[in-house]
């Protein structure tokens, strides 16, 4: 099963880590909203030794801040050529396509949703993205979809019970 081989999860931002909404302020700055459960899912993956990276076509300072807060090292914003950036990222980590997962929600993500060893799309992703993904979450983008995908990876690798014990979810 491809999920057992995953060593890296690469995430799009708009529509995946966020609900796709962008608040534009009077000074031209922008802000987005992140869901705390998605952040927890990222931390669980990292705790299990699975790297997480951001790969987005847009650049927003708030994304950089949130990613650093979560301990994400590879924050690749402003990369419209996602396939070549994906290849560079995998080379950096010494991985093959089969060892990396991708989560995206729109047309620009379809090539990587098809190429990755495992892929996911939020419930509210475009039809093209949902059809290209191997897994479609029940949750919408920015509403726990990343957490759901993270848990699926951890369960498939037999790591979920250890995460639950570590984070105090199981009775003693």
N, C-alpha and C. Protein backbone atom coordinates (compact mmCIF):
# COMPACT_ATOMS: atom_id res chain seq x y z
N UNK A 1 0.84 -1.20 0.00
CA UNK A 1 0.00 0.00 0.00
C UNK A 1 0.88 1.25 0.00
N UNK A 2 0.59 2.23 -0.83
CA UNK A 2 1.39 3.43 -1.00
C UNK A 2 1.52 4.24 0.29
N UNK A 3 0.50 4.25 1.11
CA UNK A 3 0.55 5.05 2.33
C UNK A 3 1.66 4.62 3.28
N UNK A 4 2.00 3.36 3.27
CA UNK A 4 3.06 2.85 4.16
C UNK A 4 4.43 3.41 3.80
N UNK A 5 4.59 3.84 2.55
CA UNK A 5 5.89 4.34 2.08
C UNK A 5 6.06 5.84 2.24
N UNK A 6 5.02 6.55 2.65
CA UNK A 6 5.06 8.01 2.69
C UNK A 6 6.03 8.52 3.75
N UNK A 7 6.94 9.41 3.30
CA UNK A 7 7.93 10.03 4.18
C UNK A 7 7.81 11.55 4.21
N UNK A 8 6.98 12.08 3.27
CA UNK A 8 6.82 13.52 3.12
C UNK A 8 5.41 13.82 2.66
N UNK A 9 4.75 14.78 3.31
CA UNK A 9 3.45 15.28 2.86
C UNK A 9 3.63 16.72 2.41
N UNK A 10 3.28 16.99 1.16
CA UNK A 10 3.39 18.33 0.59
C UNK A 10 1.97 18.89 0.47
N UNK A 11 1.79 20.10 0.99
CA UNK A 11 0.46 20.72 1.06
C UNK A 11 0.39 22.00 0.24
N UNK A 12 -0.66 22.11 -0.56
CA UNK A 12 -1.05 23.39 -1.13
C UNK A 12 -1.63 24.20 0.04
N UNK A 13 -1.80 25.49 -0.13
CA UNK A 13 -2.30 26.33 0.96
C UNK A 13 -3.76 26.73 0.74
N UNK A 14 -4.01 27.58 -0.26
CA UNK A 14 -5.36 28.10 -0.48
C UNK A 14 -6.31 26.96 -0.85
N UNK A 15 -7.34 26.76 -0.03
CA UNK A 15 -8.31 25.71 -0.28
C UNK A 15 -7.94 24.38 0.36
N UNK A 16 -6.75 24.28 0.95
CA UNK A 16 -6.31 23.07 1.64
C UNK A 16 -6.05 23.39 3.11
N UNK A 17 -5.02 24.20 3.37
CA UNK A 17 -4.76 24.64 4.74
C UNK A 17 -5.70 25.79 5.14
N UNK A 18 -6.27 26.46 4.16
CA UNK A 18 -7.26 27.51 4.42
C UNK A 18 -8.54 27.16 3.69
N UNK A 19 -9.59 27.90 3.98
CA UNK A 19 -10.86 27.64 3.29
C UNK A 19 -10.91 28.32 1.92
N UNK A 20 -9.82 28.95 1.54
CA UNK A 20 -9.75 29.61 0.24
C UNK A 20 -10.11 31.08 0.28
N UNK A 21 -10.65 31.53 1.42
CA UNK A 21 -10.99 32.93 1.55
C UNK A 21 -9.76 33.78 1.83
N UNK A 22 -9.74 34.99 1.33
CA UNK A 22 -8.63 35.91 1.55
C UNK A 22 -9.21 37.23 2.02
N UNK A 23 -8.79 37.68 3.19
CA UNK A 23 -9.20 39.00 3.67
C UNK A 23 -8.16 40.01 3.20
N UNK A 24 -8.61 41.00 2.44
CA UNK A 24 -7.71 42.05 1.98
C UNK A 24 -8.02 43.30 2.80
N UNK A 25 -7.00 43.78 3.51
CA UNK A 25 -7.15 44.92 4.41
C UNK A 25 -6.92 46.23 3.68
N UNK A 26 -7.31 47.34 4.29
CA UNK A 26 -7.22 48.66 3.66
C UNK A 26 -5.80 48.99 3.21
N UNK A 27 -4.79 48.50 3.94
CA UNK A 27 -3.40 48.78 3.56
C UNK A 27 -2.88 47.82 2.48
N UNK A 28 -3.74 46.93 2.00
CA UNK A 28 -3.35 45.99 0.95
C UNK A 28 -2.82 44.66 1.48
N UNK A 29 -2.58 44.60 2.78
CA UNK A 29 -2.11 43.33 3.34
C UNK A 29 -3.26 42.31 3.31
N UNK A 30 -2.90 41.06 3.38
CA UNK A 30 -3.87 39.98 3.31
C UNK A 30 -3.75 39.08 4.53
N UNK A 31 -4.85 38.45 4.88
CA UNK A 31 -4.81 37.47 5.95
C UNK A 31 -5.69 36.29 5.58
N UNK A 32 -5.35 35.15 6.17
CA UNK A 32 -6.09 33.91 5.95
C UNK A 32 -6.30 33.25 7.31
N UNK A 33 -7.20 32.30 7.36
CA UNK A 33 -7.50 31.60 8.61
C UNK A 33 -7.09 30.15 8.50
N UNK A 34 -6.45 29.65 9.55
CA UNK A 34 -6.02 28.26 9.62
C UNK A 34 -6.80 27.55 10.72
N UNK A 35 -7.02 26.25 10.54
CA UNK A 35 -7.75 25.46 11.54
C UNK A 35 -6.76 24.77 12.47
N UNK A 36 -7.01 24.85 13.76
CA UNK A 36 -6.09 24.28 14.75
C UNK A 36 -5.93 22.77 14.58
N UNK A 37 -6.98 22.06 14.16
CA UNK A 37 -6.85 20.61 13.99
C UNK A 37 -5.91 20.26 12.83
N UNK A 38 -5.87 21.10 11.80
CA UNK A 38 -4.92 20.87 10.72
C UNK A 38 -3.49 21.01 11.25
N UNK A 39 -3.28 22.00 12.08
CA UNK A 39 -1.96 22.17 12.70
C UNK A 39 -1.59 20.98 13.56
N UNK A 40 -2.56 20.45 14.30
CA UNK A 40 -2.30 19.26 15.12
C UNK A 40 -1.93 18.08 14.24
N UNK A 41 -2.64 17.89 13.13
CA UNK A 41 -2.32 16.80 12.21
C UNK A 41 -0.90 16.90 11.68
N UNK A 42 -0.46 18.12 11.38
CA UNK A 42 0.91 18.35 10.92
C UNK A 42 1.90 17.96 12.02
N UNK A 43 1.63 18.38 13.24
CA UNK A 43 2.52 18.05 14.36
C UNK A 43 2.57 16.54 14.60
N UNK A 44 1.45 15.85 14.46
CA UNK A 44 1.42 14.40 14.64
C UNK A 44 2.31 13.72 13.60
N UNK A 45 2.23 14.17 12.36
CA UNK A 45 3.07 13.60 11.30
C UNK A 45 4.55 13.82 11.63
N UNK A 46 4.88 15.03 12.02
CA UNK A 46 6.27 15.35 12.34
C UNK A 46 6.76 14.50 13.51
N UNK A 47 5.91 14.32 14.50
CA UNK A 47 6.28 13.50 15.67
C UNK A 47 6.56 12.06 15.25
N UNK A 48 5.91 11.60 14.19
CA UNK A 48 6.09 10.24 13.69
C UNK A 48 7.24 10.16 12.68
N UNK A 49 7.94 11.27 12.44
CA UNK A 49 9.08 11.26 11.53
C UNK A 49 8.73 11.52 10.08
N UNK A 50 7.53 11.99 9.82
CA UNK A 50 7.11 12.32 8.45
C UNK A 50 7.22 13.83 8.26
N UNK A 51 8.00 14.23 7.28
CA UNK A 51 8.20 15.66 7.00
C UNK A 51 6.95 16.24 6.35
N UNK A 52 6.75 17.53 6.54
CA UNK A 52 5.65 18.25 5.91
C UNK A 52 6.24 19.48 5.22
N UNK A 53 5.77 19.76 4.02
CA UNK A 53 6.23 20.92 3.26
C UNK A 53 5.03 21.68 2.72
N UNK A 54 5.24 22.95 2.46
CA UNK A 54 4.23 23.83 1.85
C UNK A 54 4.67 24.12 0.43
N UNK A 55 3.74 23.99 -0.52
CA UNK A 55 4.00 24.33 -1.92
C UNK A 55 2.80 25.09 -2.46
N UNK A 56 2.97 26.41 -2.61
CA UNK A 56 1.85 27.27 -2.99
C UNK A 56 2.23 28.19 -4.14
N UNK A 57 1.26 28.46 -4.98
CA UNK A 57 1.47 29.39 -6.08
C UNK A 57 1.50 30.85 -5.64
N UNK A 58 0.88 31.13 -4.50
CA UNK A 58 0.85 32.51 -3.99
C UNK A 58 1.82 32.66 -2.82
N UNK A 59 2.14 33.90 -2.48
CA UNK A 59 3.00 34.19 -1.33
C UNK A 59 2.25 35.09 -0.36
N UNK A 60 2.10 34.62 0.87
CA UNK A 60 1.43 35.40 1.91
C UNK A 60 2.28 35.31 3.18
N UNK A 61 2.66 36.44 3.77
CA UNK A 61 3.47 36.40 4.98
C UNK A 61 2.84 35.57 6.11
N UNK A 62 1.52 35.59 6.21
CA UNK A 62 0.85 34.82 7.28
C UNK A 62 1.11 33.31 7.13
N UNK A 63 1.25 32.84 5.91
CA UNK A 63 1.53 31.43 5.67
C UNK A 63 2.93 31.09 6.17
N UNK A 64 3.87 31.94 5.86
CA UNK A 64 5.25 31.75 6.34
C UNK A 64 5.27 31.70 7.87
N UNK A 65 4.56 32.63 8.49
CA UNK A 65 4.51 32.68 9.95
C UNK A 65 3.90 31.41 10.54
N UNK A 66 2.76 30.98 10.02
CA UNK A 66 2.10 29.78 10.54
C UNK A 66 2.95 28.53 10.31
N UNK A 67 3.56 28.42 9.14
CA UNK A 67 4.39 27.26 8.84
C UNK A 67 5.59 27.19 9.78
N UNK A 68 6.22 28.31 10.03
CA UNK A 68 7.36 28.33 10.97
C UNK A 68 6.89 27.96 12.38
N UNK A 69 5.73 28.46 12.76
CA UNK A 69 5.15 28.14 14.07
C UNK A 69 4.95 26.63 14.22
N UNK A 70 4.62 25.95 13.13
CA UNK A 70 4.40 24.51 13.13
C UNK A 70 5.69 23.71 12.92
N UNK A 71 6.80 24.39 12.71
CA UNK A 71 8.07 23.69 12.53
C UNK A 71 8.29 23.17 11.12
N UNK A 72 7.56 23.71 10.15
CA UNK A 72 7.74 23.30 8.76
C UNK A 72 8.96 24.02 8.20
N UNK A 73 9.90 23.25 7.67
CA UNK A 73 11.14 23.81 7.14
C UNK A 73 11.03 24.24 5.68
N UNK A 74 10.37 23.43 4.88
CA UNK A 74 10.25 23.71 3.44
C UNK A 74 8.96 24.47 3.17
N UNK A 75 9.08 25.79 3.02
CA UNK A 75 7.95 26.68 2.77
C UNK A 75 8.17 27.30 1.40
N UNK A 76 7.56 26.70 0.40
CA UNK A 76 7.80 27.09 -0.98
C UNK A 76 6.58 27.85 -1.50
N UNK A 77 6.64 29.16 -1.41
CA UNK A 77 5.54 30.02 -1.85
C UNK A 77 5.93 30.73 -3.13
N UNK A 78 4.92 31.09 -3.92
CA UNK A 78 5.17 31.80 -5.17
C UNK A 78 5.71 30.88 -6.26
N UNK A 79 5.39 29.61 -6.17
CA UNK A 79 5.86 28.62 -7.15
C UNK A 79 4.69 28.13 -8.00
N UNK A 80 4.48 28.78 -9.12
CA UNK A 80 3.39 28.38 -10.01
C UNK A 80 3.75 27.11 -10.78
N UNK A 81 5.03 26.89 -11.00
CA UNK A 81 5.50 25.67 -11.68
C UNK A 81 5.68 24.59 -10.61
N UNK A 82 4.57 24.01 -10.19
CA UNK A 82 4.61 23.10 -9.06
C UNK A 82 5.36 21.80 -9.34
N UNK A 83 5.30 21.30 -10.55
CA UNK A 83 5.95 20.02 -10.86
C UNK A 83 7.46 20.14 -10.70
N UNK A 84 8.07 21.18 -11.25
CA UNK A 84 9.53 21.32 -11.14
C UNK A 84 9.93 21.58 -9.69
N UNK A 85 9.12 22.32 -8.95
CA UNK A 85 9.42 22.56 -7.54
C UNK A 85 9.31 21.26 -6.75
N UNK A 86 8.31 20.45 -7.06
CA UNK A 86 8.14 19.12 -6.46
C UNK A 86 9.39 18.27 -6.67
N UNK A 87 9.87 18.25 -7.91
CA UNK A 87 11.06 17.46 -8.24
C UNK A 87 12.27 17.92 -7.45
N UNK A 88 12.45 19.23 -7.32
CA UNK A 88 13.56 19.78 -6.54
C UNK A 88 13.43 19.40 -5.07
N UNK A 89 12.22 19.48 -4.55
CA UNK A 89 11.97 19.14 -3.14
C UNK A 89 12.27 17.66 -2.87
N UNK A 90 11.81 16.79 -3.75
CA UNK A 90 12.07 15.36 -3.56
C UNK A 90 13.56 15.06 -3.64
N UNK A 91 14.24 15.70 -4.57
CA UNK A 91 15.69 15.51 -4.69
C UNK A 91 16.39 15.95 -3.41
N UNK A 92 15.98 17.08 -2.87
CA UNK A 92 16.57 17.59 -1.62
C UNK A 92 16.45 16.56 -0.49
N UNK A 93 15.30 15.89 -0.43
CA UNK A 93 15.04 14.93 0.64
C UNK A 93 15.45 13.50 0.27
N UNK A 94 15.95 13.31 -0.94
CA UNK A 94 16.36 11.98 -1.39
C UNK A 94 15.20 11.00 -1.50
N UNK A 95 14.06 11.50 -1.98
CA UNK A 95 12.85 10.68 -2.08
C UNK A 95 12.42 10.48 -3.52
N UNK A 96 11.62 9.46 -3.73
CA UNK A 96 10.97 9.19 -5.01
C UNK A 96 9.51 9.63 -4.89
N UNK A 97 8.83 9.74 -6.02
CA UNK A 97 7.41 10.11 -6.02
C UNK A 97 6.60 9.21 -5.09
N UNK A 98 6.90 7.91 -5.10
CA UNK A 98 6.15 6.94 -4.30
C UNK A 98 6.27 7.17 -2.80
N UNK A 99 7.26 7.94 -2.38
CA UNK A 99 7.47 8.19 -0.95
C UNK A 99 6.90 9.53 -0.49
N UNK A 100 6.25 10.23 -1.40
CA UNK A 100 5.70 11.54 -1.07
C UNK A 100 4.21 11.59 -1.36
N UNK A 101 3.50 12.30 -0.51
CA UNK A 101 2.07 12.52 -0.67
C UNK A 101 1.85 13.98 -1.00
N UNK A 102 0.75 14.26 -1.68
CA UNK A 102 0.40 15.63 -2.03
C UNK A 102 -1.07 15.86 -1.76
N UNK A 103 -1.39 17.05 -1.26
CA UNK A 103 -2.78 17.43 -1.03
C UNK A 103 -3.03 18.77 -1.71
N UNK A 104 -4.01 18.78 -2.62
CA UNK A 104 -4.34 19.98 -3.36
C UNK A 104 -5.82 20.04 -3.66
N UNK A 105 -6.26 21.17 -4.20
CA UNK A 105 -7.70 21.38 -4.37
C UNK A 105 -8.14 21.93 -5.72
N UNK A 106 -7.21 22.21 -6.64
CA UNK A 106 -7.63 22.87 -7.87
C UNK A 106 -6.81 22.37 -9.07
N UNK A 107 -7.07 22.93 -10.24
CA UNK A 107 -6.44 22.47 -11.48
C UNK A 107 -4.92 22.46 -11.42
N UNK A 108 -4.32 23.48 -10.82
CA UNK A 108 -2.86 23.54 -10.75
C UNK A 108 -2.28 22.38 -9.95
N UNK A 109 -3.10 21.73 -9.14
CA UNK A 109 -2.65 20.63 -8.30
C UNK A 109 -2.80 19.26 -8.96
N UNK A 110 -3.59 19.17 -10.00
CA UNK A 110 -3.90 17.87 -10.62
C UNK A 110 -2.65 17.08 -11.03
N UNK A 111 -1.65 17.69 -11.67
CA UNK A 111 -0.47 16.88 -12.03
C UNK A 111 0.20 16.21 -10.82
N UNK A 112 0.29 16.92 -9.71
CA UNK A 112 0.92 16.33 -8.52
C UNK A 112 -0.02 15.37 -7.80
N UNK A 113 -1.31 15.62 -7.86
CA UNK A 113 -2.26 14.67 -7.28
C UNK A 113 -2.15 13.32 -7.99
N UNK A 114 -1.87 13.36 -9.28
CA UNK A 114 -1.72 12.13 -10.06
C UNK A 114 -0.33 11.50 -9.89
N UNK A 115 0.67 12.32 -9.71
CA UNK A 115 2.06 11.85 -9.68
C UNK A 115 2.50 11.31 -8.33
N UNK A 116 2.02 11.89 -7.26
CA UNK A 116 2.46 11.52 -5.91
C UNK A 116 2.14 10.06 -5.60
N UNK A 117 2.91 9.50 -4.68
CA UNK A 117 2.66 8.13 -4.24
C UNK A 117 1.29 7.97 -3.63
N UNK A 118 0.80 9.01 -3.01
CA UNK A 118 -0.56 9.05 -2.45
C UNK A 118 -1.00 10.50 -2.50
N UNK A 119 -2.28 10.72 -2.72
CA UNK A 119 -2.76 12.10 -2.81
C UNK A 119 -4.14 12.23 -2.19
N UNK A 120 -4.43 13.45 -1.77
CA UNK A 120 -5.71 13.74 -1.14
C UNK A 120 -6.21 15.10 -1.61
N UNK A 121 -7.52 15.25 -1.57
CA UNK A 121 -8.17 16.52 -1.88
C UNK A 121 -9.26 16.76 -0.83
N UNK A 122 -9.46 18.00 -0.43
CA UNK A 122 -10.55 18.30 0.50
C UNK A 122 -11.91 18.06 -0.16
N UNK A 123 -12.91 17.89 0.66
CA UNK A 123 -14.27 17.62 0.17
C UNK A 123 -14.77 18.68 -0.80
N UNK A 124 -14.37 19.93 -0.60
CA UNK A 124 -14.85 21.02 -1.45
C UNK A 124 -13.88 21.39 -2.57
N UNK A 125 -12.93 20.52 -2.86
CA UNK A 125 -12.00 20.76 -3.97
C UNK A 125 -12.78 20.73 -5.29
N UNK A 126 -12.16 21.21 -6.34
CA UNK A 126 -12.80 21.16 -7.65
C UNK A 126 -12.98 19.70 -8.07
N UNK A 127 -13.90 19.49 -8.98
CA UNK A 127 -14.16 18.13 -9.46
C UNK A 127 -12.90 17.50 -10.05
N UNK A 128 -12.13 18.28 -10.80
CA UNK A 128 -10.91 17.75 -11.40
C UNK A 128 -9.93 17.28 -10.32
N UNK A 129 -9.77 18.06 -9.27
CA UNK A 129 -8.85 17.68 -8.19
C UNK A 129 -9.37 16.45 -7.45
N UNK A 130 -10.66 16.43 -7.15
CA UNK A 130 -11.23 15.26 -6.46
C UNK A 130 -11.06 13.99 -7.29
N UNK A 131 -11.26 14.09 -8.59
CA UNK A 131 -11.11 12.93 -9.47
C UNK A 131 -9.67 12.46 -9.58
N UNK A 132 -8.72 13.37 -9.48
CA UNK A 132 -7.29 13.02 -9.59
C UNK A 132 -6.74 12.45 -8.28
N UNK A 133 -7.33 12.82 -7.16
CA UNK A 133 -6.83 12.39 -5.84
C UNK A 133 -7.20 10.94 -5.55
N UNK A 134 -6.36 10.28 -4.78
CA UNK A 134 -6.66 8.91 -4.35
C UNK A 134 -7.63 8.90 -3.16
N UNK A 135 -7.69 10.01 -2.43
CA UNK A 135 -8.53 10.09 -1.24
C UNK A 135 -9.17 11.48 -1.19
N UNK A 136 -10.45 11.53 -0.93
CA UNK A 136 -11.16 12.80 -0.74
C UNK A 136 -11.65 12.82 0.70
N UNK A 137 -11.28 13.85 1.42
CA UNK A 137 -11.65 13.96 2.82
C UNK A 137 -13.14 14.27 2.97
N UNK A 138 -13.66 14.02 4.14
CA UNK A 138 -15.03 14.44 4.46
C UNK A 138 -15.04 15.93 4.80
N UNK A 139 -13.93 16.42 5.35
CA UNK A 139 -13.82 17.82 5.75
C UNK A 139 -13.46 18.70 4.56
N UNK A 140 -13.89 19.93 4.63
CA UNK A 140 -13.55 20.92 3.61
C UNK A 140 -12.16 21.49 3.88
N UNK A 141 -11.60 22.16 2.88
CA UNK A 141 -10.31 22.82 3.05
C UNK A 141 -10.37 23.87 4.15
N UNK A 142 -9.33 23.90 4.97
CA UNK A 142 -9.29 24.85 6.07
C UNK A 142 -10.23 24.51 7.21
N UNK A 143 -10.83 23.33 7.17
CA UNK A 143 -11.80 22.90 8.17
C UNK A 143 -11.49 21.51 8.71
N UNK A 144 -10.20 21.13 8.71
CA UNK A 144 -9.80 19.84 9.25
C UNK A 144 -9.45 18.81 8.20
N UNK A 145 -9.40 19.18 6.92
CA UNK A 145 -9.07 18.22 5.87
C UNK A 145 -7.64 17.71 5.99
N UNK A 146 -6.71 18.58 6.34
CA UNK A 146 -5.31 18.16 6.50
C UNK A 146 -5.19 17.20 7.68
N UNK A 147 -5.89 17.47 8.76
CA UNK A 147 -5.88 16.56 9.90
C UNK A 147 -6.38 15.18 9.49
N UNK A 148 -7.46 15.15 8.72
CA UNK A 148 -8.04 13.88 8.27
C UNK A 148 -7.05 13.10 7.41
N UNK A 149 -6.38 13.77 6.48
CA UNK A 149 -5.39 13.12 5.63
C UNK A 149 -4.20 12.65 6.45
N UNK A 150 -3.77 13.46 7.41
CA UNK A 150 -2.65 13.10 8.28
C UNK A 150 -2.96 11.84 9.07
N UNK A 151 -4.14 11.78 9.63
CA UNK A 151 -4.54 10.61 10.41
C UNK A 151 -4.60 9.37 9.52
N UNK A 152 -5.06 9.51 8.30
CA UNK A 152 -5.12 8.37 7.38
C UNK A 152 -3.72 7.81 7.12
N UNK A 153 -2.75 8.70 6.89
CA UNK A 153 -1.37 8.27 6.68
C UNK A 153 -0.84 7.56 7.93
N UNK A 154 -1.06 8.15 9.08
CA UNK A 154 -0.54 7.57 10.33
C UNK A 154 -1.18 6.22 10.64
N UNK A 155 -2.46 6.09 10.40
CA UNK A 155 -3.14 4.81 10.63
C UNK A 155 -2.59 3.73 9.70
N UNK A 156 -2.40 4.08 8.42
CA UNK A 156 -1.90 3.11 7.44
C UNK A 156 -0.49 2.64 7.79
N UNK A 157 0.28 3.50 8.40
CA UNK A 157 1.65 3.16 8.78
C UNK A 157 1.72 2.52 10.16
N UNK A 158 0.55 2.32 10.78
CA UNK A 158 0.52 1.69 12.10
C UNK A 158 1.04 2.58 13.21
N UNK A 159 0.98 3.88 13.01
CA UNK A 159 1.55 4.83 13.97
C UNK A 159 0.49 5.58 14.78
N UNK A 160 -0.77 5.43 14.43
CA UNK A 160 -1.81 6.24 15.07
C UNK A 160 -1.93 5.97 16.58
N UNK A 161 -1.91 4.70 16.98
CA UNK A 161 -2.05 4.39 18.40
C UNK A 161 -0.92 5.01 19.21
N UNK A 162 0.29 5.00 18.67
CA UNK A 162 1.42 5.63 19.36
C UNK A 162 1.23 7.13 19.49
N UNK A 163 0.69 7.75 18.46
CA UNK A 163 0.41 9.20 18.51
C UNK A 163 -0.64 9.46 19.58
N UNK A 164 -1.68 8.66 19.61
CA UNK A 164 -2.74 8.84 20.61
C UNK A 164 -2.19 8.70 22.02
N UNK A 165 -1.33 7.73 22.23
CA UNK A 165 -0.74 7.54 23.56
C UNK A 165 0.15 8.72 23.93
N UNK A 166 0.95 9.16 22.98
CA UNK A 166 1.87 10.28 23.22
C UNK A 166 1.12 11.56 23.58
N UNK A 167 0.01 11.79 22.91
CA UNK A 167 -0.74 13.03 23.12
C UNK A 167 -1.84 12.87 24.17
N UNK A 168 -1.87 11.74 24.87
CA UNK A 168 -2.79 11.57 26.00
C UNK A 168 -4.22 11.25 25.64
N UNK A 169 -4.47 10.72 24.44
CA UNK A 169 -5.85 10.47 24.04
C UNK A 169 -6.37 9.12 24.55
N UNK A 170 -5.50 8.24 24.93
CA UNK A 170 -5.94 6.92 25.42
C UNK A 170 -5.98 6.89 26.94
N UNK A 171 -6.99 6.26 27.49
CA UNK A 171 -7.01 6.12 28.96
C UNK A 171 -5.88 5.22 29.40
N UNK A 172 -5.35 5.48 30.57
CA UNK A 172 -4.21 4.68 31.08
C UNK A 172 -4.68 3.57 31.94
